[in-house]
Structure formats: C-alpha cells, structure tokens
Full PDB file with SEQRES, HELIX, SHEET, SSBOND, CRYST1, ORIGX, SCALE, CONECT and MASTER records, all heavy atoms in Angstrom:
SEQRES   1 A   36  SER SER VAL SER VAL GLY VAL ASN PRO THR PHE ILE GLY          
SEQRES   2 A   36  ASP ARG GLU ARG ARG VAL GLU VAL HIS LEU HIS ASP ALA          
SEQRES   3 A   36  ASP VAL ASN LEU TYR GLY MET ASN LEU SER                      
SHEET    1 AA1 2 SER A   2  GLY A   6  0                                        
SHEET    2 AA1 2 ARG A  18  HIS A  22 -1                                        
CRYST1    1.000    1.000    1.000  90.00  90.00  90.00 P 1           1          
ORIGX1      1.000000  0.000000  0.000000        0.00000                         
ORIGX2      0.000000  1.000000  0.000000        0.00000                         
ORIGX3      0.000000  0.000000  1.000000        0.00000                         
SCALE1      1.000000  0.000000  0.000000        0.00000                         
SCALE2      0.000000  1.000000  0.000000        0.00000                         
SCALE3      0.000000  0.000000  1.000000        0.00000                         
ATOM      1  N   SER A   1     -51.891  35.475  99.852  1.00  0.00           N  
ATOM      2  CA  SER A   1     -52.859  34.753  99.022  1.00  0.00           C  
ATOM      3  C   SER A   1     -54.290  35.139  99.342  1.00  0.00           C  
ATOM      4  O   SER A   1     -54.600  35.605 100.436  1.00  0.00           O  
ATOM      5  CB  SER A   1     -52.717  33.240  99.260  1.00  0.00           C  
ATOM      6  OG  SER A   1     -51.398  32.808  99.034  1.00  0.00           O  
ATOM      7  N   SER A   2     -55.152  34.884  98.355  1.00  0.00           N  
ATOM      8  CA  SER A   2     -56.598  34.953  98.525  1.00  0.00           C  
ATOM      9  C   SER A   2     -57.114  33.537  98.325  1.00  0.00           C  
ATOM     10  O   SER A   2     -56.694  32.851  97.393  1.00  0.00           O  
ATOM     11  CB  SER A   2     -57.228  35.871  97.480  1.00  0.00           C  
ATOM     12  OG  SER A   2     -56.636  37.147  97.516  1.00  0.00           O  
ATOM     13  N   VAL A   3     -58.021  33.111  99.192  1.00  0.00           N  
ATOM     14  CA  VAL A   3     -58.517  31.737  99.147  1.00  0.00           C  
ATOM     15  C   VAL A   3     -60.032  31.740  99.024  1.00  0.00           C  
ATOM     16  O   VAL A   3     -60.726  32.461  99.737  1.00  0.00           O  
ATOM     17  CB  VAL A   3     -58.096  30.958 100.415  1.00  0.00           C  
ATOM     18  CG1 VAL A   3     -58.673  29.550 100.412  1.00  0.00           C  
ATOM     19  CG2 VAL A   3     -56.574  30.909 100.530  1.00  0.00           C  
ATOM     20  N   SER A   4     -60.525  30.906  98.110  1.00  0.00           N  
ATOM     21  CA  SER A   4     -61.963  30.706  97.931  1.00  0.00           C  
ATOM     22  C   SER A   4     -62.308  29.290  98.371  1.00  0.00           C  
ATOM     23  O   SER A   4     -61.695  28.329  97.914  1.00  0.00           O  
ATOM     24  CB  SER A   4     -62.336  30.895  96.456  1.00  0.00           C  
ATOM     25  OG  SER A   4     -63.661  30.486  96.223  1.00  0.00           O  
ATOM     26  N   VAL A   5     -63.291  29.188  99.266  1.00  0.00           N  
ATOM     27  CA  VAL A   5     -63.796  27.888  99.703  1.00  0.00           C  
ATOM     28  C   VAL A   5     -65.269  27.841  99.339  1.00  0.00           C  
ATOM     29  O   VAL A   5     -66.032  28.724  99.727  1.00  0.00           O  
ATOM     30  CB  VAL A   5     -63.630  27.693 101.227  1.00  0.00           C  
ATOM     31  CG1 VAL A   5     -64.205  26.350 101.661  1.00  0.00           C  
ATOM     32  CG2 VAL A   5     -62.177  27.824 101.633  1.00  0.00           C  
ATOM     33  N   GLY A   6     -65.671  26.839  98.567  1.00  0.00           N  
ATOM     34  CA  GLY A   6     -67.082  26.715  98.217  1.00  0.00           C  
ATOM     35  C   GLY A   6     -67.292  26.072  96.872  1.00  0.00           C  
ATOM     36  O   GLY A   6     -66.400  25.411  96.335  1.00  0.00           O  
ATOM     37  N   VAL A   7     -68.480  26.280  96.312  1.00  0.00           N  
ATOM     38  CA  VAL A   7     -68.901  25.598  95.087  1.00  0.00           C  
ATOM     39  C   VAL A   7     -68.889  26.491  93.854  1.00  0.00           C  
ATOM     40  O   VAL A   7     -69.364  26.069  92.806  1.00  0.00           O  
ATOM     41  CB  VAL A   7     -70.307  24.978  95.253  1.00  0.00           C  
ATOM     42  CG1 VAL A   7     -70.311  23.908  96.322  1.00  0.00           C  
ATOM     43  CG2 VAL A   7     -71.346  26.044  95.544  1.00  0.00           C  
ATOM     44  N   ASN A   8     -68.357  27.700  93.940  1.00  0.00           N  
ATOM     45  CA  ASN A   8     -68.343  28.628  92.813  1.00  0.00           C  
ATOM     46  C   ASN A   8     -69.747  28.794  92.230  1.00  0.00           C  
ATOM     47  O   ASN A   8     -70.003  28.425  91.081  1.00  0.00           O  
ATOM     48  CB  ASN A   8     -67.380  28.170  91.716  1.00  0.00           C  
ATOM     49  CG  ASN A   8     -65.979  27.999  92.216  1.00  0.00           C  
ATOM     50  OD1 ASN A   8     -65.668  27.006  92.843  1.00  0.00           O  
ATOM     51  ND2 ASN A   8     -65.131  28.948  91.946  1.00  0.00           N  
ATOM     52  N   PRO A   9     -70.667  29.379  92.983  1.00  0.00           N  
ATOM     53  CA  PRO A   9     -72.073  29.432  92.577  1.00  0.00           C  
ATOM     54  C   PRO A   9     -72.372  30.259  91.332  1.00  0.00           C  
ATOM     55  O   PRO A   9     -73.461  30.140  90.775  1.00  0.00           O  
ATOM     56  CB  PRO A   9     -72.774  30.024  93.799  1.00  0.00           C  
ATOM     57  CG  PRO A   9     -71.719  30.808  94.497  1.00  0.00           C  
ATOM     58  CD  PRO A   9     -70.440  30.051  94.262  1.00  0.00           C  
ATOM     59  N   THR A  10     -71.442  31.066  90.860  1.00  0.00           N  
ATOM     60  CA  THR A  10     -71.677  31.866  89.658  1.00  0.00           C  
ATOM     61  C   THR A  10     -71.777  30.977  88.428  1.00  0.00           C  
ATOM     62  O   THR A  10     -72.457  31.311  87.466  1.00  0.00           O  
ATOM     63  CB  THR A  10     -70.559  32.913  89.485  1.00  0.00           C  
ATOM     64  OG1 THR A  10     -70.580  33.777  90.634  1.00  0.00           O  
ATOM     65  CG2 THR A  10     -70.746  33.739  88.231  1.00  0.00           C  
ATOM     66  N   PHE A  11     -71.120  29.825  88.461  1.00  0.00           N  
ATOM     67  CA  PHE A  11     -71.079  28.932  87.309  1.00  0.00           C  
ATOM     68  C   PHE A  11     -72.079  27.798  87.462  1.00  0.00           C  
ATOM     69  O   PHE A  11     -72.250  27.238  88.537  1.00  0.00           O  
ATOM     70  CB  PHE A  11     -69.654  28.413  87.100  1.00  0.00           C  
ATOM     71  CG  PHE A  11     -68.692  29.547  86.897  1.00  0.00           C  
ATOM     72  CD1 PHE A  11     -67.882  29.986  87.933  1.00  0.00           C  
ATOM     73  CD2 PHE A  11     -68.639  30.209  85.682  1.00  0.00           C  
ATOM     74  CE1 PHE A  11     -67.014  31.054  87.752  1.00  0.00           C  
ATOM     75  CE2 PHE A  11     -67.769  31.280  85.496  1.00  0.00           C  
ATOM     76  CZ  PHE A  11     -66.966  31.701  86.534  1.00  0.00           C  
ATOM     77  N   ILE A  12     -72.735  27.453  86.363  1.00  0.00           N  
ATOM     78  CA  ILE A  12     -73.826  26.475  86.349  1.00  0.00           C  
ATOM     79  C   ILE A  12     -73.277  25.059  86.495  1.00  0.00           C  
ATOM     80  O   ILE A  12     -72.208  24.731  86.001  1.00  0.00           O  
ATOM     81  CB  ILE A  12     -74.619  26.598  85.040  1.00  0.00           C  
ATOM     82  CG1 ILE A  12     -75.245  27.987  84.963  1.00  0.00           C  
ATOM     83  CG2 ILE A  12     -75.676  25.521  84.919  1.00  0.00           C  
ATOM     84  CD1 ILE A  12     -75.889  28.304  83.638  1.00  0.00           C  
ATOM     85  N   GLY A  13     -74.074  24.219  87.147  1.00  0.00           N  
ATOM     86  CA  GLY A  13     -73.736  22.804  87.256  1.00  0.00           C  
ATOM     87  C   GLY A  13     -73.533  22.387  88.693  1.00  0.00           C  
ATOM     88  O   GLY A  13     -73.313  23.203  89.580  1.00  0.00           O  
ATOM     89  N   ASP A  14     -73.655  21.089  88.918  1.00  0.00           N  
ATOM     90  CA  ASP A  14     -73.375  20.536  90.234  1.00  0.00           C  
ATOM     91  C   ASP A  14     -71.879  20.582  90.457  1.00  0.00           C  
ATOM     92  O   ASP A  14     -71.105  20.045  89.667  1.00  0.00           O  
ATOM     93  CB  ASP A  14     -73.863  19.084  90.333  1.00  0.00           C  
ATOM     94  CG  ASP A  14     -75.370  18.997  90.412  1.00  0.00           C  
ATOM     95  OD1 ASP A  14     -75.993  19.979  90.867  1.00  0.00           O  
ATOM     96  OD2 ASP A  14     -75.914  17.950  90.046  1.00  0.00           O  
ATOM     97  N   ARG A  15     -71.492  21.234  91.514  1.00  0.00           N  
ATOM     98  CA  ARG A  15     -70.070  21.403  91.791  1.00  0.00           C  
ATOM     99  C   ARG A  15     -69.794  21.002  93.230  1.00  0.00           C  
ATOM    100  O   ARG A  15     -70.536  21.359  94.127  1.00  0.00           O  
ATOM    101  CB  ARG A  15     -69.669  22.845  91.552  1.00  0.00           C  
ATOM    102  CG  ARG A  15     -70.042  23.331  90.142  1.00  0.00           C  
ATOM    103  CD  ARG A  15     -69.804  24.799  89.965  1.00  0.00           C  
ATOM    104  NE  ARG A  15     -68.422  25.157  90.160  1.00  0.00           N  
ATOM    105  CZ  ARG A  15     -67.470  25.009  89.237  1.00  0.00           C  
ATOM    106  NH1 ARG A  15     -67.752  24.498  88.083  1.00  0.00           N  
ATOM    107  NH2 ARG A  15     -66.233  25.383  89.482  1.00  0.00           N  
ATOM    108  N   GLU A  16     -68.702  20.288  93.423  1.00  0.00           N  
ATOM    109  CA  GLU A  16     -68.275  19.947  94.768  1.00  0.00           C  
ATOM    110  C   GLU A  16     -67.635  21.159  95.417  1.00  0.00           C  
ATOM    111  O   GLU A  16     -67.099  22.029  94.735  1.00  0.00           O  
ATOM    112  CB  GLU A  16     -67.243  18.819  94.724  1.00  0.00           C  
ATOM    113  CG  GLU A  16     -67.799  17.493  94.296  1.00  0.00           C  
ATOM    114  CD  GLU A  16     -66.736  16.407  94.382  1.00  0.00           C  
ATOM    115  OE1 GLU A  16     -65.646  16.644  94.956  1.00  0.00           O  
ATOM    116  OE2 GLU A  16     -67.006  15.316  93.878  1.00  0.00           O  
ATOM    117  N   ARG A  17     -67.679  21.176  96.752  1.00  0.00           N  
ATOM    118  CA  ARG A  17     -66.940  22.218  97.461  1.00  0.00           C  
ATOM    119  C   ARG A  17     -65.467  22.042  97.163  1.00  0.00           C  
ATOM    120  O   ARG A  17     -64.977  20.928  97.034  1.00  0.00           O  
ATOM    121  CB  ARG A  17     -67.176  22.106  98.966  1.00  0.00           C  
ATOM    122  CG  ARG A  17     -68.586  22.484  99.359  1.00  0.00           C  
ATOM    123  CD  ARG A  17     -68.791  22.389 100.856  1.00  0.00           C  
ATOM    124  NE  ARG A  17     -68.117  23.505 101.518  1.00  0.00           N  
ATOM    125  CZ  ARG A  17     -67.470  23.401 102.671  1.00  0.00           C  
ATOM    126  NH1 ARG A  17     -67.374  22.243 103.287  1.00  0.00           N  
ATOM    127  NH2 ARG A  17     -66.895  24.459 103.207  1.00  0.00           N  
ATOM    128  N   ARG A  18     -64.784  23.160  97.038  1.00  0.00           N  
ATOM    129  CA  ARG A  18     -63.366  23.113  96.729  1.00  0.00           C  
ATOM    130  C   ARG A  18     -62.648  24.264  97.395  1.00  0.00           C  
ATOM    131  O   ARG A  18     -63.266  25.233  97.825  1.00  0.00           O  
ATOM    132  CB  ARG A  18     -63.145  23.143  95.227  1.00  0.00           C  
ATOM    133  CG  ARG A  18     -63.736  24.379  94.568  1.00  0.00           C  
ATOM    134  CD  ARG A  18     -63.556  24.413  93.078  1.00  0.00           C  
ATOM    135  NE  ARG A  18     -64.347  23.388  92.438  1.00  0.00           N  
ATOM    136  CZ  ARG A  18     -64.287  23.072  91.165  1.00  0.00           C  
ATOM    137  NH1 ARG A  18     -63.464  23.715  90.380  1.00  0.00           N  
ATOM    138  NH2 ARG A  18     -65.036  22.142  90.654  1.00  0.00           N  
ATOM    139  N   VAL A  19     -61.334  24.133  97.437  1.00  0.00           N  
ATOM    140  CA  VAL A  19     -60.476  25.199  97.940  1.00  0.00           C  
ATOM    141  C   VAL A  19     -59.570  25.621  96.794  1.00  0.00           C  
ATOM    142  O   VAL A  19     -58.870  24.798  96.209  1.00  0.00           O  
ATOM    143  CB  VAL A  19     -59.625  24.729  99.141  1.00  0.00           C  
ATOM    144  CG1 VAL A  19     -58.653  25.821  99.562  1.00  0.00           C  
ATOM    145  CG2 VAL A  19     -60.523  24.328 100.300  1.00  0.00           C  
ATOM    146  N   GLU A  20     -59.631  26.912  96.472  1.00  0.00           N  
ATOM    147  CA  GLU A  20     -58.810  27.478  95.406  1.00  0.00           C  
ATOM    148  C   GLU A  20     -57.972  28.607  95.995  1.00  0.00           C  
ATOM    149  O   GLU A  20     -58.502  29.491  96.657  1.00  0.00           O  
ATOM    150  CB  GLU A  20     -59.692  28.015  94.286  1.00  0.00           C  
ATOM    151  CG  GLU A  20     -60.520  26.929  93.614  1.00  0.00           C  
ATOM    152  CD  GLU A  20     -61.437  27.503  92.561  1.00  0.00           C  
ATOM    153  OE1 GLU A  20     -60.999  27.617  91.408  1.00  0.00           O  
ATOM    154  OE2 GLU A  20     -62.575  27.854  92.920  1.00  0.00           O  
ATOM    155  N   VAL A  21     -56.674  28.564  95.740  1.00  0.00           N  
ATOM    156  CA  VAL A  21     -55.737  29.528  96.311  1.00  0.00           C  
ATOM    157  C   VAL A  21     -55.121  30.360  95.194  1.00  0.00           C  
ATOM    158  O   VAL A  21     -54.530  29.815  94.263  1.00  0.00           O  
ATOM    159  CB  VAL A  21     -54.618  28.802  97.096  1.00  0.00           C  
ATOM    160  CG1 VAL A  21     -53.680  29.812  97.737  1.00  0.00           C  
ATOM    161  CG2 VAL A  21     -55.215  27.854  98.135  1.00  0.00           C  
ATOM    162  N   HIS A  22     -55.280  31.672  95.296  1.00  0.00           N  
ATOM    163  CA  HIS A  22     -54.646  32.603  94.353  1.00  0.00           C  
ATOM    164  C   HIS A  22     -53.443  33.213  95.057  1.00  0.00           C  
ATOM    165  O   HIS A  22     -53.594  33.981  96.016  1.00  0.00           O  
ATOM    166  CB  HIS A  22     -55.623  33.694  93.922  1.00  0.00           C  
ATOM    167  CG  HIS A  22     -54.982  34.798  93.150  1.00  0.00           C  
ATOM    168  ND1 HIS A  22     -54.429  34.609  91.898  1.00  0.00           N  
ATOM    169  CD2 HIS A  22     -54.781  36.107  93.455  1.00  0.00           C  
ATOM    170  CE1 HIS A  22     -53.920  35.756  91.470  1.00  0.00           C  
ATOM    171  NE2 HIS A  22     -54.123  36.679  92.396  1.00  0.00           N  
ATOM    172  N   LEU A  23     -52.236  32.855  94.624  1.00  0.00           N  
ATOM    173  CA  LEU A  23     -51.010  33.440  95.164  1.00  0.00           C  
ATOM    174  C   LEU A  23     -50.797  34.791  94.495  1.00  0.00           C  
ATOM    175  O   LEU A  23     -50.718  34.878  93.272  1.00  0.00           O  
ATOM    176  CB  LEU A  23     -49.808  32.537  94.891  1.00  0.00           C  
ATOM    177  CG  LEU A  23     -49.547  31.401  95.868  1.00  0.00           C  
ATOM    178  CD1 LEU A  23     -50.697  30.437  95.940  1.00  0.00           C  
ATOM    179  CD2 LEU A  23     -48.266  30.694  95.529  1.00  0.00           C  
ATOM    180  N   HIS A  24     -50.719  35.841  95.306  1.00  0.00           N  
ATOM    181  CA  HIS A  24     -50.534  37.183  94.773  1.00  0.00           C  
ATOM    182  C   HIS A  24     -49.142  37.306  94.153  1.00  0.00           C  
ATOM    183  O   HIS A  24     -48.161  36.847  94.725  1.00  0.00           O  
ATOM    184  CB  HIS A  24     -50.674  38.236  95.875  1.00  0.00           C  
ATOM    185  CG  HIS A  24     -51.995  38.182  96.578  1.00  0.00           C  
ATOM    186  ND1 HIS A  24     -52.249  38.938  97.694  1.00  0.00           N  
ATOM    187  CD2 HIS A  24     -53.131  37.485  96.345  1.00  0.00           C  
ATOM    188  CE1 HIS A  24     -53.486  38.705  98.107  1.00  0.00           C  
ATOM    189  NE2 HIS A  24     -54.041  37.828  97.309  1.00  0.00           N  
ATOM    190  N   ASP A  25     -49.083  37.934  93.012  1.00  0.00           N  
ATOM    191  CA  ASP A  25     -47.810  38.256  92.350  1.00  0.00           C  
ATOM    192  C   ASP A  25     -46.957  37.026  92.065  1.00  0.00           C  
ATOM    193  O   ASP A  25     -45.728  37.082  92.127  1.00  0.00           O  
ATOM    194  CB  ASP A  25     -47.004  39.262  93.188  1.00  0.00           C  
ATOM    195  CG  ASP A  25     -47.819  40.503  93.529  1.00  0.00           C  
ATOM    196  OD1 ASP A  25     -48.489  41.018  92.611  1.00  0.00           O  
ATOM    197  OD2 ASP A  25     -47.815  40.931  94.690  1.00  0.00           O  
ATOM    198  N   ALA A  26     -47.597  35.916  91.738  1.00  0.00           N  
ATOM    199  CA  ALA A  26     -46.856  34.679  91.454  1.00  0.00           C  
ATOM    200  C   ALA A  26     -47.199  34.182  90.058  1.00  0.00           C  
ATOM    201  O   ALA A  26     -48.349  34.236  89.634  1.00  0.00           O  
ATOM    202  CB  ALA A  26     -47.209  33.608  92.477  1.00  0.00           C  
ATOM    203  N   ASP A  27     -46.198  33.702  89.375  1.00  0.00           N  
ATOM    204  CA  ASP A  27     -46.391  33.038  88.090  1.00  0.00           C  
ATOM    205  C   ASP A  27     -45.616  31.724  88.174  1.00  0.00           C  
ATOM    206  O   ASP A  27     -44.497  31.618  87.683  1.00  0.00           O  
ATOM    207  CB  ASP A  27     -45.883  33.916  86.943  1.00  0.00           C  
ATOM    208  CG  ASP A  27     -46.198  33.322  85.584  1.00  0.00           C  
ATOM    209  OD1 ASP A  27     -47.045  32.402  85.517  1.00  0.00           O  
ATOM    210  OD2 ASP A  27     -45.587  33.758  84.595  1.00  0.00           O  
ATOM    211  N   VAL A  28     -46.216  30.751  88.854  1.00  0.00           N  
ATOM    212  CA  VAL A  28     -45.552  29.501  89.182  1.00  0.00           C  
ATOM    213  C   VAL A  28     -46.450  28.343  88.771  1.00  0.00           C  
ATOM    214  O   VAL A  28     -47.652  28.368  89.029  1.00  0.00           O  
ATOM    215  CB  VAL A  28     -45.287  29.426  90.707  1.00  0.00           C  
ATOM    216  CG1 VAL A  28     -44.565  28.151  91.075  1.00  0.00           C  
ATOM    217  CG2 VAL A  28     -44.535  30.639  91.197  1.00  0.00           C  
ATOM    218  N   ASN A  29     -45.875  27.325  88.129  1.00  0.00           N  
ATOM    219  CA  ASN A  29     -46.626  26.112  87.823  1.00  0.00           C  
ATOM    220  C   ASN A  29     -46.652  25.265  89.090  1.00  0.00           C  
ATOM    221  O   ASN A  29     -45.627  24.738  89.524  1.00  0.00           O  
ATOM    222  CB  ASN A  29     -45.969  25.349  86.679  1.00  0.00           C  
ATOM    223  CG  ASN A  29     -46.738  24.102  86.314  1.00  0.00           C  
ATOM    224  OD1 ASN A  29     -47.680  23.696  86.990  1.00  0.00           O  
ATOM    225  ND2 ASN A  29     -46.336  23.476  85.225  1.00  0.00           N  
ATOM    226  N   LEU A  30     -47.824  25.133  89.692  1.00  0.00           N  
ATOM    227  CA  LEU A  30     -47.952  24.455  90.981  1.00  0.00           C  
ATOM    228  C   LEU A  30     -48.495  23.033  90.880  1.00  0.00           C  
ATOM    229  O   LEU A  30     -48.590  22.357  91.903  1.00  0.00           O  
ATOM    230  CB  LEU A  30     -48.870  25.276  91.900  1.00  0.00           C  
ATOM    231  CG  LEU A  30     -48.359  26.666  92.264  1.00  0.00           C  
ATOM    232  CD1 LEU A  30     -49.444  27.439  92.993  1.00  0.00           C  
ATOM    233  CD2 LEU A  30     -47.106  26.568  93.100  1.00  0.00           C  
ATOM    234  N   TYR A  31     -48.851  22.570  89.690  1.00  0.00           N  
ATOM    235  CA  TYR A  31     -49.445  21.241  89.561  1.00  0.00           C  
ATOM    236  C   TYR A  31     -48.521  20.179  90.140  1.00  0.00           C  
ATOM    237  O   TYR A  31     -47.330  20.131  89.853  1.00  0.00           O  
ATOM    238  CB  TYR A  31     -49.756  20.915  88.105  1.00  0.00           C  
ATOM    239  CG  TYR A  31     -50.866  21.757  87.542  1.00  0.00           C  
ATOM    240  CD1 TYR A  31     -50.653  22.557  86.433  1.00  0.00           C  
ATOM    241  CD2 TYR A  31     -52.129  21.773  88.120  1.00  0.00           C  
ATOM    242  CE1 TYR A  31     -51.666  23.352  85.910  1.00  0.00           C  
ATOM    243  CE2 TYR A  31     -53.142  22.555  87.615  1.00  0.00           C  
ATOM    244  CZ  TYR A  31     -52.913  23.340  86.516  1.00  0.00           C  
ATOM    245  OH  TYR A  31     -53.921  24.127  86.013  1.00  0.00           O  
ATOM    246  N   GLY A  32     -49.089  19.338  91.003  1.00  0.00           N  
ATOM    247  CA  GLY A  32     -48.342  18.256  91.622  1.00  0.00           C  
ATOM    248  C   GLY A  32     -47.551  18.663  92.843  1.00  0.00           C  
ATOM    249  O   GLY A  32     -46.983  17.816  93.524  1.00  0.00           O  
ATOM    250  N   MET A  33     -47.491  19.961  93.149  1.00  0.00           N  
ATOM    251  CA  MET A  33     -46.776  20.424  94.337  1.00  0.00           C  
ATOM    252  C   MET A  33     -47.714  20.434  95.531  1.00  0.00           C  
ATOM    253  O   MET A  33     -48.934  20.440  95.383  1.00  0.00           O  
ATOM    254  CB  MET A  33     -46.205  21.817  94.112  1.00  0.00           C  
ATOM    255  CG  MET A  33     -45.142  21.862  93.053  1.00  0.00           C  
ATOM    256  SD  MET A  33     -44.425  23.513  93.024  1.00  0.00           S  
ATOM    257  CE  MET A  33     -43.290  23.319  91.661  1.00  0.00           C  
ATOM    258  N   ASN A  34     -47.133  20.458  96.715  1.00  0.00           N  
ATOM    259  CA  ASN A  34     -47.922  20.591  97.935  1.00  0.00           C  
ATOM    260  C   ASN A  34     -47.961  22.054  98.330  1.00  0.00           C  
ATOM    261  O   ASN A  34     -46.950  22.757  98.257  1.00  0.00           O  
ATOM    262  CB  ASN A  34     -47.321  19.757  99.064  1.00  0.00           C  
ATOM    263  CG  ASN A  34     -47.505  18.288  98.812  1.00  0.00           C  
ATOM    264  OD1 ASN A  34     -48.605  17.830  98.538  1.00  0.00           O  
ATOM    265  ND2 ASN A  34     -46.425  17.537  98.888  1.00  0.00           N  
ATOM    266  N   LEU A  35     -49.131  22.487  98.752  1.00  0.00           N  
ATOM    267  CA  LEU A  35     -49.329  23.865  99.164  1.00  0.00           C  
ATOM    268  C   LEU A  35     -49.932  23.823 100.567  1.00  0.00           C  
ATOM    269  O   LEU A  35     -50.973  23.196 100.776  1.00  0.00           O  
ATOM    270  CB  LEU A  35     -50.296  24.537  98.187  1.00  0.00           C  
ATOM    271  CG  LEU A  35     -50.306  26.040  98.069  1.00  0.00           C  
ATOM    272  CD1 LEU A  35     -48.965  26.568  97.597  1.00  0.00           C  
ATOM    273  CD2 LEU A  35     -51.393  26.485  97.113  1.00  0.00           C  
ATOM    274  N   SER A  36     -49.257  24.443 101.511  1.00  0.00           N  
ATOM    275  CA  SER A  36     -49.841  24.569 102.846  1.00  0.00           C  
ATOM    276  C   SER A  36     -50.403  25.979 102.962  1.00  0.00           C  
ATOM    277  O   SER A  36     -49.782  26.940 102.494  1.00  0.00           O  
ATOM    278  CB  SER A  36     -48.825  24.272 103.940  1.00  0.00           C  
ATOM    279  OG  SER A  36     -47.732  25.141 103.863  1.00  0.00           O  
TER     280      SER A  36                                                      
MASTER        0    0    0    0    2    0    0    6  279    1    0    3          
END                                                                             
C-alpha cells in the first residue's frame, strides 16, 4: 500500500488531517471494513 497522511493541500478548503490508504492492485469495496 501507499499511505497519505495530511490535509491534501492541493485541494481548496479547510480540511482535517486524514489517513488515506491506496491498496496496490486491489479492486475491493472496503466501506465499513476494518483496515490495519
């Protein structure tokens, strides 16, 4: 995976810090699942 931690400064607006995880080579619906 590749992980982004931060406020995504490229996009306009007040943004909270967040953690976004890109799973390589995955096409999985992860909504509601737990990810460690």
